[in-house]
Amino acid sequence: MSTPQSPFRGSVTLDGPSGTGKSTVARGVAARLGAAYLDTGAMYRAATVAVLDAGVDPADAEAVARTVAEAGIVVGTEAGTERVEVGGTDVAARIRGAEVTRAVSAVSAVPAVRRQLVAQQRALVTGAEAVVVEGRDIGTVVLPDATLKVYLTAAPEVRAQRRAGQLGVTDAAEIAALAADLRRRDEYDSSRADSPLRPAADAVVVDSSDLSQAQVVDRIVLLAETAVPAGDRT
């Protein structure tokens, strides 16, 4: 990772459920802070692509773990570009598809997969003077000593409307189905035994239901610039 030319030095974790705009916000914050950026969700989605392409049942934990270990997952750390590869193949366009979305929670819940990808995530951010990392267990598991921890949330209905806008969906029934799917995934991820989705005890909770993405970015940048690095806390 390149050394950022920014006054900010430290790490920002951005956790929260699907559909809150974490990726766009995290990229915006990283760009404003001159920081490296890591989308850990893209790693789990890339792992899911590998599992699906191998014809492995996502419920078969042993086969899933073996497949992911051999997949050759590569994720970039530049805020302005999205690099996601599996075995040297670009899968950036595929990881947001419906098939991957349906299976990613099951793949992500496999403890061996989480251990492997958490180790890879930590290796990617080690040595970065400034970094923004987004996902679902970053502040609680991956970087528990982060300079700033943010938990980004929004009402399921709002998240469904945003997701519908991204997908070009206008039918009310389809939007309701998106909201139901988001609630299902929230429940699944929040109740899993390994690294459940929840705010870190010292996280700042930001509800973006009534905020624009620009407003959320502004708030997190201000929080980061006024945060005390973990090593300087008393």
C-alpha atoms as a PDB file:
ATOM      1  CA  MET A   1       0.000   0.000   0.000  1.00  0.00           C
ATOM      2  CA  SER A   2       1.222   3.485  -0.786  1.00  0.00           C
ATOM      3  CA  THR A   3       1.784   6.016   1.980  1.00  0.00           C
ATOM      4  CA  PRO A   4      -1.071   8.549   2.031  1.00  0.00           C
ATOM      5  CA  GLN A   5      -0.356  12.284   1.900  1.00  0.00           C
ATOM      6  CA  SER A   6      -2.972  13.142   4.524  1.00  0.00           C
ATOM      7  CA  PRO A   7      -2.849  14.449   8.100  1.00  0.00           C
ATOM      8  CA  PHE A   8      -4.944  11.456   9.164  1.00  0.00           C
ATOM      9  CA  ARG A   9      -2.974   8.499  10.451  1.00  0.00           C
ATOM     10  CA  GLY A  10      -4.796   5.455  11.686  1.00  0.00           C
ATOM     11  CA  SER A  11      -7.563   3.035  10.820  1.00  0.00           C
ATOM     12  CA  VAL A  12     -11.292   3.507  10.332  1.00  0.00           C
ATOM     13  CA  THR A  13     -13.591   0.492  10.479  1.00  0.00           C
ATOM     14  CA  LEU A  14     -17.015   0.696   8.896  1.00  0.00           C
ATOM     15  CA  ASP A  15     -19.353  -2.151   9.766  1.00  0.00           C
ATOM     16  CA  GLY A  16     -23.063  -2.633   9.242  1.00  0.00           C
ATOM     17  CA  PRO A  17     -25.736  -4.647   7.468  1.00  0.00           C
ATOM     18  CA  SER A  18     -26.159  -5.000   3.722  1.00  0.00           C
ATOM     19  CA  GLY A  19     -27.713  -2.136   1.786  1.00  0.00           C
ATOM     20  CA  THR A  20     -26.535   0.724   3.990  1.00  0.00           C
ATOM     21  CA  GLY A  21     -24.185   2.120   1.358  1.00  0.00           C
ATOM     22  CA  LYS A  22     -21.036   1.037   3.208  1.00  0.00           C
ATOM     23  CA  SER A  23     -18.939   0.560   0.093  1.00  0.00           C
ATOM     24  CA  THR A  24     -19.715   3.960  -1.439  1.00  0.00           C
ATOM     25  CA  VAL A  25     -19.324   5.717   1.905  1.00  0.00           C
ATOM     26  CA  ALA A  26     -16.097   3.888   2.751  1.00  0.00           C
ATOM     27  CA  ARG A  27     -14.589   4.746  -0.633  1.00  0.00           C
ATOM     28  CA  GLY A  28     -15.591   8.367  -0.147  1.00  0.00           C
ATOM     29  CA  VAL A  29     -14.060   8.500   3.322  1.00  0.00           C
ATOM     30  CA  ALA A  30     -10.846   6.844   2.115  1.00  0.00           C
ATOM     31  CA  ALA A  31     -10.526   9.333  -0.738  1.00  0.00           C
ATOM     32  CA  ARG A  32     -11.084  12.297   1.596  1.00  0.00           C
ATOM     33  CA  LEU A  33      -8.551  11.001   4.119  1.00  0.00           C
ATOM     34  CA  GLY A  34      -6.000   9.931   1.524  1.00  0.00           C
ATOM     35  CA  ALA A  35      -6.249   6.417   2.929  1.00  0.00           C
ATOM     36  CA  ALA A  36      -6.037   2.909   1.556  1.00  0.00           C
ATOM     37  CA  TYR A  37      -9.371   1.092   1.284  1.00  0.00           C
ATOM     38  CA  LEU A  38     -10.399  -2.518   1.761  1.00  0.00           C
ATOM     39  CA  ASP A  39     -13.839  -3.984   1.065  1.00  0.00           C
ATOM     40  CA  THR A  40     -13.862  -7.217   3.043  1.00  0.00           C
ATOM     41  CA  GLY A  41     -17.361  -8.036   1.830  1.00  0.00           C
ATOM     42  CA  ALA A  42     -15.939  -8.327  -1.677  1.00  0.00           C
ATOM     43  CA  MET A  43     -13.598 -11.011  -0.356  1.00  0.00           C
ATOM     44  CA  TYR A  44     -16.476 -13.097   0.991  1.00  0.00           C
ATOM     45  CA  ARG A  45     -18.381 -12.599  -2.237  1.00  0.00           C
ATOM     46  CA  ALA A  46     -15.322 -13.671  -4.224  1.00  0.00           C
ATOM     47  CA  ALA A  47     -15.107 -16.763  -2.014  1.00  0.00           C
ATOM     48  CA  THR A  48     -18.761 -17.439  -2.822  1.00  0.00           C
ATOM     49  CA  VAL A  49     -18.041 -17.184  -6.552  1.00  0.00           C
ATOM     50  CA  ALA A  50     -15.320 -19.802  -6.104  1.00  0.00           C
ATOM     51  CA  VAL A  51     -17.692 -22.102  -4.217  1.00  0.00           C
ATOM     52  CA  LEU A  52     -20.481 -21.762  -6.778  1.00  0.00           C
ATOM     53  CA  ASP A  53     -18.122 -22.241  -9.733  1.00  0.00           C
ATOM     54  CA  ALA A  54     -16.745 -25.395  -8.127  1.00  0.00           C
ATOM     55  CA  GLY A  55     -20.272 -26.777  -7.767  1.00  0.00           C
ATOM     56  CA  VAL A  56     -19.874 -27.028  -3.997  1.00  0.00           C
ATOM     57  CA  ASP A  57     -22.918 -26.946  -1.730  1.00  0.00           C
ATOM     58  CA  PRO A  58     -22.577 -23.795   0.437  1.00  0.00           C
ATOM     59  CA  ALA A  59     -23.913 -25.866   3.355  1.00  0.00           C
ATOM     60  CA  ASP A  60     -20.945 -28.278   3.126  1.00  0.00           C
ATOM     61  CA  ALA A  61     -18.563 -26.433   5.467  1.00  0.00           C
ATOM     62  CA  GLU A  62     -15.569 -28.698   4.899  1.00  0.00           C
ATOM     63  CA  ALA A  63     -15.796 -28.533   1.100  1.00  0.00           C
ATOM     64  CA  VAL A  64     -16.422 -24.783   1.209  1.00  0.00           C
ATOM     65  CA  ALA A  65     -13.343 -24.182   3.368  1.00  0.00           C
ATOM     66  CA  ARG A  66     -11.170 -26.310   1.100  1.00  0.00           C
ATOM     67  CA  THR A  67     -12.437 -24.570  -2.033  1.00  0.00           C
ATOM     68  CA  VAL A  68     -11.859 -21.085  -0.630  1.00  0.00           C
ATOM     69  CA  ALA A  69      -8.369 -21.995   0.576  1.00  0.00           C
ATOM     70  CA  GLU A  70      -7.443 -22.975  -2.977  1.00  0.00           C
ATOM     71  CA  ALA A  71      -9.299 -20.148  -4.749  1.00  0.00           C
ATOM     72  CA  GLY A  72      -6.562 -17.524  -5.063  1.00  0.00           C
ATOM     73  CA  ILE A  73      -8.661 -14.532  -3.966  1.00  0.00           C
ATOM     74  CA  VAL A  74      -7.165 -11.103  -4.656  1.00  0.00           C
ATOM     75  CA  VAL A  75      -8.811  -7.804  -3.654  1.00  0.00           C
ATOM     76  CA  GLY A  76      -7.354  -4.377  -4.369  1.00  0.00           C
ATOM     77  CA  THR A  77      -6.842  -1.567  -1.839  1.00  0.00           C
ATOM     78  CA  GLU A  78      -7.298   1.518  -4.013  1.00  0.00           C
ATOM     79  CA  ALA A  79     -10.437   3.550  -3.265  1.00  0.00           C
ATOM     80  CA  GLY A  80     -10.876   4.624  -6.880  1.00  0.00           C
ATOM     81  CA  THR A  81     -10.916   1.186  -8.477  1.00  0.00           C
ATOM     82  CA  GLU A  82     -12.455  -2.196  -7.734  1.00  0.00           C
ATOM     83  CA  ARG A  83     -10.145  -5.145  -8.206  1.00  0.00           C
ATOM     84  CA  VAL A  84     -11.579  -8.532  -7.293  1.00  0.00           C
ATOM     85  CA  GLU A  85     -10.082 -11.710  -8.723  1.00  0.00           C
ATOM     86  CA  VAL A  86     -10.507 -15.434  -8.198  1.00  0.00           C
ATOM     87  CA  GLY A  87      -7.723 -17.575  -9.584  1.00  0.00           C
ATOM     88  CA  GLY A  88      -6.560 -14.688 -11.786  1.00  0.00           C
ATOM     89  CA  THR A  89     -10.031 -14.068 -13.254  1.00  0.00           C
ATOM     90  CA  ASP A  90     -11.776 -10.721 -12.782  1.00  0.00           C
ATOM     91  CA  VAL A  91     -15.050 -11.330 -10.923  1.00  0.00           C
ATOM     92  CA  ALA A  92     -15.813  -7.735  -9.853  1.00  0.00           C
ATOM     93  CA  ALA A  93     -18.979  -7.638 -11.946  1.00  0.00           C
ATOM     94  CA  ARG A  94     -20.205 -11.035 -10.759  1.00  0.00           C
ATOM     95  CA  ILE A  95     -19.887 -10.621  -7.010  1.00  0.00           C
ATOM     96  CA  ARG A  96     -22.926  -8.304  -6.753  1.00  0.00           C
ATOM     97  CA  GLY A  97     -25.238 -10.666  -8.642  1.00  0.00           C
ATOM     98  CA  ALA A  98     -28.325 -12.312  -7.163  1.00  0.00           C
ATOM     99  CA  GLU A  99     -26.839 -15.835  -7.135  1.00  0.00           C
ATOM    100  CA  VAL A 100     -23.852 -14.724  -5.067  1.00  0.00           C
ATOM    101  CA  THR A 101     -26.023 -12.591  -2.795  1.00  0.00           C
ATOM    102  CA  ARG A 102     -28.231 -15.579  -1.983  1.00  0.00           C
ATOM    103  CA  ALA A 103     -25.266 -17.796  -1.048  1.00  0.00           C
ATOM    104  CA  VAL A 104     -22.772 -15.406   0.548  1.00  0.00           C
ATOM    105  CA  SER A 105     -24.183 -15.578   4.089  1.00  0.00           C
ATOM    106  CA  ALA A 106     -23.819 -19.360   4.194  1.00  0.00           C
ATOM    107  CA  VAL A 107     -20.254 -19.230   2.863  1.00  0.00           C
ATOM    108  CA  SER A 108     -19.335 -16.384   5.225  1.00  0.00           C
ATOM    109  CA  ALA A 109     -20.637 -18.317   8.231  1.00  0.00           C
ATOM    110  CA  VAL A 110     -18.051 -21.116   7.835  1.00  0.00           C
ATOM    111  CA  PRO A 111     -15.493 -20.546  10.655  1.00  0.00           C
ATOM    112  CA  ALA A 112     -12.531 -21.806   8.613  1.00  0.00           C
ATOM    113  CA  VAL A 113     -13.390 -19.381   5.808  1.00  0.00           C
ATOM    114  CA  ARG A 114     -13.605 -16.477   8.239  1.00  0.00           C
ATOM    115  CA  ARG A 115     -10.260 -17.373   9.830  1.00  0.00           C
ATOM    116  CA  GLN A 116      -8.586 -17.549   6.444  1.00  0.00           C
ATOM    117  CA  LEU A 117      -9.996 -14.295   5.126  1.00  0.00           C
ATOM    118  CA  VAL A 118      -9.488 -12.392   8.395  1.00  0.00           C
ATOM    119  CA  ALA A 119      -5.804 -13.338   8.273  1.00  0.00           C
ATOM    120  CA  GLN A 120      -5.647 -12.105   4.676  1.00  0.00           C
ATOM    121  CA  GLN A 121      -7.429  -8.878   5.617  1.00  0.00           C
ATOM    122  CA  ARG A 122      -5.012  -8.158   8.451  1.00  0.00           C
ATOM    123  CA  ALA A 123      -2.063  -8.834   6.171  1.00  0.00           C
ATOM    124  CA  LEU A 124      -3.412  -6.386   3.586  1.00  0.00           C
ATOM    125  CA  VAL A 125      -3.741  -3.499   6.057  1.00  0.00           C
ATOM    126  CA  THR A 126      -0.571  -4.142   8.043  1.00  0.00           C
ATOM    127  CA  GLY A 127       1.810  -1.226   7.665  1.00  0.00           C
ATOM    128  CA  ALA A 128      -0.727   1.156   6.126  1.00  0.00           C
ATOM    129  CA  GLU A 129      -0.452   4.564   7.789  1.00  0.00           C
ATOM    130  CA  ALA A 130      -4.083   5.301   6.983  1.00  0.00           C
ATOM    131  CA  VAL A 131      -6.737   2.786   5.995  1.00  0.00           C
ATOM    132  CA  VAL A 132     -10.518   2.486   5.811  1.00  0.00           C
ATOM    133  CA  VAL A 133     -11.828  -1.073   6.099  1.00  0.00           C
ATOM    134  CA  GLU A 134     -15.476  -1.960   5.648  1.00  0.00           C
ATOM    135  CA  GLY A 135     -17.378  -5.136   6.356  1.00  0.00           C
ATOM    136  CA  ARG A 136     -19.384  -6.778   9.135  1.00  0.00           C
ATOM    137  CA  ASP A 137     -16.908  -7.733  11.861  1.00  0.00           C
ATOM    138  CA  ILE A 138     -14.026  -5.321  11.305  1.00  0.00           C
ATOM    139  CA  GLY A 139     -14.324  -3.350  14.536  1.00  0.00           C
ATOM    140  CA  THR A 140     -15.137  -6.422  16.621  1.00  0.00           C
ATOM    141  CA  VAL A 141     -12.734  -9.010  15.156  1.00  0.00           C
ATOM    142  CA  VAL A 142     -10.400  -7.854  12.382  1.00  0.00           C
ATOM    143  CA  LEU A 143      -9.180  -4.514  13.789  1.00  0.00           C
ATOM    144  CA  PRO A 144     -10.345  -4.278  17.429  1.00  0.00           C
ATOM    145  CA  ASP A 145      -7.810  -1.488  18.137  1.00  0.00           C
ATOM    146  CA  ALA A 146      -8.895   0.748  15.255  1.00  0.00           C
ATOM    147  CA  THR A 147      -8.614   4.511  15.637  1.00  0.00           C
ATOM    148  CA  LEU A 148     -12.312   4.943  14.829  1.00  0.00           C
ATOM    149  CA  LYS A 149     -15.084   2.369  14.648  1.00  0.00           C
ATOM    150  CA  VAL A 150     -18.329   3.215  12.878  1.00  0.00           C
ATOM    151  CA  TYR A 151     -21.437   1.054  12.633  1.00  0.00           C
ATOM    152  CA  LEU A 152     -23.551   2.218   9.696  1.00  0.00           C
ATOM    153  CA  THR A 153     -27.209   1.278   9.707  1.00  0.00           C
ATOM    154  CA  ALA A 154     -30.546   2.250   8.145  1.00  0.00           C
ATOM    155  CA  ALA A 155     -34.131   1.032   8.209  1.00  0.00           C
ATOM    156  CA  PRO A 156     -34.705  -2.092   6.045  1.00  0.00           C
ATOM    157  CA  GLU A 157     -37.283  -0.237   3.937  1.00  0.00           C
ATOM    158  CA  VAL A 158     -34.799   2.546   3.194  1.00  0.00           C
ATOM    159  CA  ARG A 159     -32.095   0.042   2.373  1.00  0.00           C
ATOM    160  CA  ALA A 160     -34.478  -1.810   0.057  1.00  0.00           C
ATOM    161  CA  GLN A 161     -35.321   1.417  -1.788  1.00  0.00           C
ATOM    162  CA  ARG A 162     -31.632   2.163  -2.237  1.00  0.00           C
ATOM    163  CA  ARG A 163     -30.898  -1.346  -3.467  1.00  0.00           C
ATOM    164  CA  ALA A 164     -33.859  -1.135  -5.848  1.00  0.00           C
ATOM    165  CA  GLY A 165     -32.448   2.094  -7.256  1.00  0.00           C
ATOM    166  CA  GLN A 166     -29.108   0.400  -7.860  1.00  0.00           C
ATOM    167  CA  LEU A 167     -30.800  -2.515  -9.626  1.00  0.00           C
ATOM    168  CA  GLY A 168     -33.328  -0.412 -11.546  1.00  0.00           C
ATOM    169  CA  VAL A 169     -36.267  -2.102  -9.779  1.00  0.00           C
ATOM    170  CA  THR A 170     -39.509  -0.089  -9.569  1.00  0.00           C
ATOM    171  CA  ASP A 171     -42.164  -2.738  -8.862  1.00  0.00           C
ATOM    172  CA  ALA A 172     -43.528  -2.411  -5.297  1.00  0.00           C
ATOM    173  CA  ALA A 173     -43.714  -6.167  -4.789  1.00  0.00           C
ATOM    174  CA  GLU A 174     -40.085  -6.606  -5.838  1.00  0.00           C
ATOM    175  CA  ILE A 175     -38.998  -3.827  -3.495  1.00  0.00           C
ATOM    176  CA  ALA A 176     -40.913  -5.504  -0.648  1.00  0.00           C
ATOM    177  CA  ALA A 177     -39.129  -8.750  -1.488  1.00  0.00           C
ATOM    178  CA  LEU A 178     -35.782  -6.933  -1.330  1.00  0.00           C
ATOM    179  CA  ALA A 179     -36.683  -5.612   2.138  1.00  0.00           C
ATOM    180  CA  ALA A 180     -37.660  -9.098   3.287  1.00  0.00           C
ATOM    181  CA  ASP A 181     -34.380 -10.506   1.954  1.00  0.00           C
ATOM    182  CA  LEU A 182     -32.399  -7.819   3.785  1.00  0.00           C
ATOM    183  CA  ARG A 183     -34.188  -8.661   7.035  1.00  0.00           C
ATOM    184  CA  ARG A 184     -33.478 -12.365   6.480  1.00  0.00           C
ATOM    185  CA  ARG A 185     -29.805 -11.721   5.917  1.00  0.00           C
ATOM    186  CA  ASP A 186     -29.614  -9.414   8.948  1.00  0.00           C
ATOM    187  CA  GLU A 187     -31.079 -12.171  11.121  1.00  0.00           C
ATOM    188  CA  TYR A 188     -28.756 -14.810   9.653  1.00  0.00           C
ATOM    189  CA  ASP A 189     -25.623 -12.704  10.059  1.00  0.00           C
ATOM    190  CA  SER A 190     -26.547 -11.408  13.516  1.00  0.00           C
ATOM    191  CA  SER A 191     -27.236 -14.879  14.908  1.00  0.00           C
ATOM    192  CA  ARG A 192     -24.287 -16.828  13.482  1.00  0.00           C
ATOM    193  CA  ALA A 193     -21.964 -18.318  16.101  1.00  0.00           C
ATOM    194  CA  ASP A 194     -18.721 -17.065  14.539  1.00  0.00           C
ATOM    195  CA  SER A 195     -18.224 -13.254  14.341  1.00  0.00           C
ATOM    196  CA  PRO A 196     -21.889 -12.227  14.420  1.00  0.00           C
ATOM    197  CA  LEU A 197     -22.933  -8.901  12.934  1.00  0.00           C
ATOM    198  CA  ARG A 198     -23.101  -6.369  15.765  1.00  0.00           C
ATOM    199  CA  PRO A 199     -21.629  -2.970  16.654  1.00  0.00           C
ATOM    200  CA  ALA A 200     -18.376  -2.930  18.613  1.00  0.00           C
ATOM    201  CA  ALA A 201     -18.859  -1.688  22.170  1.00  0.00           C
ATOM    202  CA  ASP A 202     -16.952   1.503  21.342  1.00  0.00           C
ATOM    203  CA  ALA A 203     -18.377   2.056  17.857  1.00  0.00           C
ATOM    204  CA  VAL A 204     -20.164   5.224  16.805  1.00  0.00           C
ATOM    205  CA  VAL A 205     -23.562   4.210  15.385  1.00  0.00           C
ATOM    206  CA  VAL A 206     -24.568   6.265  12.347  1.00  0.00           C
ATOM    207  CA  ASP A 207     -28.150   5.857  11.102  1.00  0.00           C
ATOM    208  CA  SER A 208     -28.172   6.915   7.463  1.00  0.00           C
ATOM    209  CA  SER A 209     -31.932   6.559   6.946  1.00  0.00           C
ATOM    210  CA  ASP A 210     -32.406  10.326   6.651  1.00  0.00           C
ATOM    211  CA  LEU A 211     -28.915  11.258   5.459  1.00  0.00           C
ATOM    212  CA  SER A 212     -27.420  11.490   1.988  1.00  0.00           C
ATOM    213  CA  GLN A 213     -24.227   9.595   1.260  1.00  0.00           C
ATOM    214  CA  ALA A 214     -22.336  12.899   1.146  1.00  0.00           C
ATOM    215  CA  GLN A 215     -23.621  13.762   4.617  1.00  0.00           C
ATOM    216  CA  VAL A 216     -22.567  10.381   5.973  1.00  0.00           C
ATOM    217  CA  VAL A 217     -19.096  10.769   4.464  1.00  0.00           C
ATOM    218  CA  ASP A 218     -18.782  14.257   5.975  1.00  0.00           C
ATOM    219  CA  ARG A 219     -19.715  12.985   9.413  1.00  0.00           C
ATOM    220  CA  ILE A 220     -17.299  10.044   9.367  1.00  0.00           C
ATOM    221  CA  VAL A 221     -14.421  12.178   8.058  1.00  0.00           C
ATOM    222  CA  LEU A 222     -14.982  14.637  10.906  1.00  0.00           C
ATOM    223  CA  LEU A 223     -15.075  11.779  13.415  1.00  0.00           C
ATOM    224  CA  ALA A 224     -11.830  10.357  11.992  1.00  0.00           C
ATOM    225  CA  GLU A 225      -9.992  13.645  11.998  1.00  0.00           C
ATOM    226  CA  THR A 226     -10.850  14.209  15.662  1.00  0.00           C
ATOM    227  CA  ALA A 227     -10.329  10.624  16.846  1.00  0.00           C
ATOM    228  CA  VAL A 228      -7.484   9.682  19.183  1.00  0.00           C
ATOM    229  CA  PRO A 229      -5.235   6.883  17.839  1.00  0.00           C
ATOM    230  CA  ALA A 230      -5.512   3.664  19.836  1.00  0.00           C
ATOM    231  CA  GLY A 231      -1.895   3.855  20.976  1.00  0.00           C
ATOM    232  CA  ASP A 232      -2.429   7.332  22.462  1.00  0.00           C
ATOM    233  CA  ARG A 233      -5.520   6.523  24.524  1.00  0.00           C
ATOM    234  CA  THR A 234      -5.284   6.552  28.315  1.00  0.00           C
END
